[in-house]
C-alpha atoms as a PDB file:
ATOM      1  CA  MET A   1      82.748 217.716 110.080  1.00  0.00           C
ATOM      2  CA  ARG A   2      83.539 214.502 111.997  1.00  0.00           C
ATOM      3  CA  LYS A   3      82.033 211.367 111.337  1.00  0.00           C
ATOM      4  CA  ASN A   4      81.893 207.954 113.409  1.00  0.00           C
ATOM      5  CA  ILE A   5      83.089 204.677 111.961  1.00  0.00           C
ATOM      6  CA  GLU A   6      82.704 201.433 113.865  1.00  0.00           C
ATOM      7  CA  ILE A   7      85.654 199.725 112.522  1.00  0.00           C
ATOM      8  CA  THR A   8      84.456 196.572 113.779  1.00  0.00           C
ATOM      9  CA  LYS A   9      81.181 196.332 112.361  1.00  0.00           C
ATOM     10  CA  GLY A  10      80.491 193.127 110.255  1.00  0.00           C
ATOM     11  CA  ILE A  11      82.965 191.265 112.466  1.00  0.00           C
ATOM     12  CA  LYS A  12      81.365 188.071 113.622  1.00  0.00           C
ATOM     13  CA  LYS A  13      81.085 187.698 117.261  1.00  0.00           C
ATOM     14  CA  ILE A  14      82.801 191.007 118.148  1.00  0.00           C
ATOM     15  CA  ASN A  15      81.487 190.937 121.521  1.00  0.00           C
ATOM     16  CA  ASP A  16      83.029 187.979 122.594  1.00  0.00           C
ATOM     17  CA  LEU A  17      86.394 189.194 121.248  1.00  0.00           C
ATOM     18  CA  LEU A  18      88.865 190.762 123.674  1.00  0.00           C
ATOM     19  CA  VAL A  19      91.808 191.128 120.725  1.00  0.00           C
ATOM     20  CA  LEU A  20      91.597 192.684 117.208  1.00  0.00           C
ATOM     21  CA  SER A  21      94.168 190.937 115.107  1.00  0.00           C
ATOM     22  CA  GLY A  22      94.880 189.521 111.626  1.00  0.00           C
ATOM     23  CA  ARG A  23      96.762 191.505 108.944  1.00  0.00           C
ATOM     24  CA  ASP A  24      93.658 189.724 106.278  1.00  0.00           C
ATOM     25  CA  LEU A  25      91.042 191.226 108.428  1.00  0.00           C
ATOM     26  CA  GLY A  26      91.978 194.189 108.656  1.00  0.00           C
ATOM     27  CA  ASP A  27      92.801 194.677 105.166  1.00  0.00           C
ATOM     28  CA  THR A  28      89.069 193.981 104.747  1.00  0.00           C
ATOM     29  CA  GLN A  29      87.627 196.183 107.243  1.00  0.00           C
ATOM     30  CA  ARG A  30      90.240 199.155 105.544  1.00  0.00           C
ATOM     31  CA  LYS A  31      88.423 197.910 102.191  1.00  0.00           C
ATOM     32  CA  LYS A  32      85.009 198.106 104.043  1.00  0.00           C
ATOM     33  CA  PHE A  33      85.127 201.524 104.892  1.00  0.00           C
ATOM     34  CA  SER A  34      87.210 202.972 101.927  1.00  0.00           C
ATOM     35  CA  ILE A  35      89.664 204.372 103.880  1.00  0.00           C
ATOM     36  CA  ASP A  36      91.892 205.428 100.943  1.00  0.00           C
ATOM     37  CA  THR A  37      88.914 207.678 100.396  1.00  0.00           C
ATOM     38  CA  LEU A  38      88.770 208.851 103.592  1.00  0.00           C
ATOM     39  CA  ASP A  39      92.527 209.710 103.915  1.00  0.00           C
ATOM     40  CA  ILE A  40      92.102 212.445 101.207  1.00  0.00           C
ATOM     41  CA  ASP A  41      88.668 213.832 102.249  1.00  0.00           C
ATOM     42  CA  GLN A  42      88.089 217.386 104.209  1.00  0.00           C
ATOM     43  CA  HIS A  43      86.407 215.489 107.049  1.00  0.00           C
ATOM     44  CA  GLN A  44      87.754 213.895 110.301  1.00  0.00           C
ATOM     45  CA  TYR A  45      86.580 210.318 111.381  1.00  0.00           C
ATOM     46  CA  ILE A  46      85.909 208.919 115.113  1.00  0.00           C
ATOM     47  CA  ILE A  47      86.934 205.546 115.006  1.00  0.00           C
ATOM     48  CA  ILE A  48      84.851 203.453 117.491  1.00  0.00           C
ATOM     49  CA  ILE A  49      86.129 200.069 118.792  1.00  0.00           C
ATOM     50  CA  PRO A  50      84.138 198.309 121.493  1.00  0.00           C
ATOM     51  CA  LYS A  51      85.200 198.484 125.067  1.00  0.00           C
ATOM     52  CA  ASN A  52      85.583 195.248 125.041  1.00  0.00           C
ATOM     53  CA  ILE A  53      88.629 195.138 122.672  1.00  0.00           C
ATOM     54  CA  VAL A  54      91.642 195.139 125.191  1.00  0.00           C
ATOM     55  CA  SER A  55      93.934 195.109 122.658  1.00  0.00           C
ATOM     56  CA  ILE A  56      94.879 195.801 119.037  1.00  0.00           C
ATOM     57  CA  ASN A  57      97.501 193.307 117.453  1.00  0.00           C
ATOM     58  CA  PRO A  58     100.230 195.226 114.903  1.00  0.00           C
ATOM     59  CA  SER A  59      98.923 192.916 111.949  1.00  0.00           C
ATOM     60  CA  PHE A  60      95.306 194.517 112.206  1.00  0.00           C
ATOM     61  CA  PHE A  61      96.513 198.170 113.144  1.00  0.00           C
ATOM     62  CA  LEU A  62      98.822 197.731 109.975  1.00  0.00           C
ATOM     63  CA  GLY A  63      96.355 196.317 107.646  1.00  0.00           C
ATOM     64  CA  ALA A  64      93.573 198.934 108.382  1.00  0.00           C
ATOM     65  CA  PHE A  65      95.828 201.800 109.000  1.00  0.00           C
ATOM     66  CA  GLY A  66      99.092 201.538 108.005  1.00  0.00           C
ATOM     67  CA  LYS A  67      99.169 203.036 104.502  1.00  0.00           C
ATOM     68  CA  SER A  68      97.357 205.852 106.532  1.00  0.00           C
ATOM     69  CA  VAL A  69      99.723 206.346 108.961  1.00  0.00           C
ATOM     70  CA  ARG A  70     102.054 206.662 106.160  1.00  0.00           C
ATOM     71  CA  TYR A  71     100.248 209.024 104.093  1.00  0.00           C
ATOM     72  CA  PHE A  72     100.106 211.112 106.944  1.00  0.00           C
ATOM     73  CA  LYS A  73     103.550 211.087 107.510  1.00  0.00           C
ATOM     74  CA  THR A  74     103.515 211.730 111.276  1.00  0.00           C
ATOM     75  CA  LYS A  75     101.603 210.919 114.228  1.00  0.00           C
ATOM     76  CA  GLU A  76     100.077 214.231 115.124  1.00  0.00           C
ATOM     77  CA  LYS A  77      99.055 214.525 111.606  1.00  0.00           C
ATOM     78  CA  PHE A  78      96.948 211.147 111.284  1.00  0.00           C
ATOM     79  CA  LEU A  79      95.111 211.495 114.849  1.00  0.00           C
ATOM     80  CA  GLU A  80      93.947 215.208 113.720  1.00  0.00           C
ATOM     81  CA  LYS A  81      92.391 212.787 111.088  1.00  0.00           C
ATOM     82  CA  TYR A  82      91.475 209.937 112.915  1.00  0.00           C
ATOM     83  CA  GLU A  83      90.409 209.981 116.741  1.00  0.00           C
ATOM     84  CA  PHE A  84      90.335 206.437 118.476  1.00  0.00           C
ATOM     85  CA  ASP A  85      87.086 205.987 120.586  1.00  0.00           C
ATOM     86  CA  CYS A  86      88.780 203.015 122.623  1.00  0.00           C
ATOM     87  CA  ASN A  87      89.852 201.692 126.201  1.00  0.00           C
ATOM     88  CA  GLU A  88      93.124 202.901 127.633  1.00  0.00           C
ATOM     89  CA  ASN A  89      95.087 199.617 126.756  1.00  0.00           C
ATOM     90  CA  ALA A  90      93.620 199.378 122.891  1.00  0.00           C
ATOM     91  CA  PHE A  91      95.080 203.049 122.580  1.00  0.00           C
ATOM     92  CA  ILE A  92      98.432 201.691 123.268  1.00  0.00           C
ATOM     93  CA  SER A  93      98.480 199.305 121.007  1.00  0.00           C
ATOM     94  CA  ILE A  94      97.211 201.650 118.599  1.00  0.00           C
ATOM     95  CA  THR A  95     100.090 204.362 119.502  1.00  0.00           C
ATOM     96  CA  ASP A  96     102.517 201.370 119.053  1.00  0.00           C
ATOM     97  CA  GLY A  97     100.905 200.419 115.370  1.00  0.00           C
ATOM     98  CA  ILE A  98     101.511 204.003 114.076  1.00  0.00           C
ATOM     99  CA  ASN A  99     105.042 204.220 115.454  1.00  0.00           C
ATOM    100  CA  ASP A 100     105.956 200.654 113.653  1.00  0.00           C
ATOM    101  CA  ALA A 101     103.979 202.204 110.048  1.00  0.00           C
ATOM    102  CA  LEU A 102     106.531 205.456 110.630  1.00  0.00           C
ATOM    103  CA  ASN A 103     109.040 203.233 111.030  1.00  0.00           C
ATOM    104  CA  ASN A 104     108.183 201.160 108.319  1.00  0.00           C
ATOM    105  CA  ILE A 105     107.895 197.813 110.446  1.00  0.00           C
ATOM    106  CA  ASP A 106     105.554 195.351 108.644  1.00  0.00           C
ATOM    107  CA  VAL A 107     104.167 192.850 110.719  1.00  0.00           C
ATOM    108  CA  MET A 108     103.596 189.735 108.887  1.00  0.00           C
ATOM    109  CA  ARG A 109     104.537 190.997 105.234  1.00  0.00           C
END
């Protein structure tokens, strides 16, 4: 079963933003959506990111998904669990974040 998650839900003025950034914001969204629990359930998730977001800083991505990437151990397994519905530029940022997590590059920590 596939479920949608609007990862930016609750972020103030999201329609005015072009970039998701900040470790704290990523951590907040991870907790809000209980991603630790999602990692171990049997469902797949579509992470919806508004099309106006053109970039996702590594700090935000690692806060929200770094632990998950490391849990799944490969880019392929992570992307089997979490599919990203976003524009192409944002997906490039996500791919960079996945690589950072797999290489234990921990931005801003």
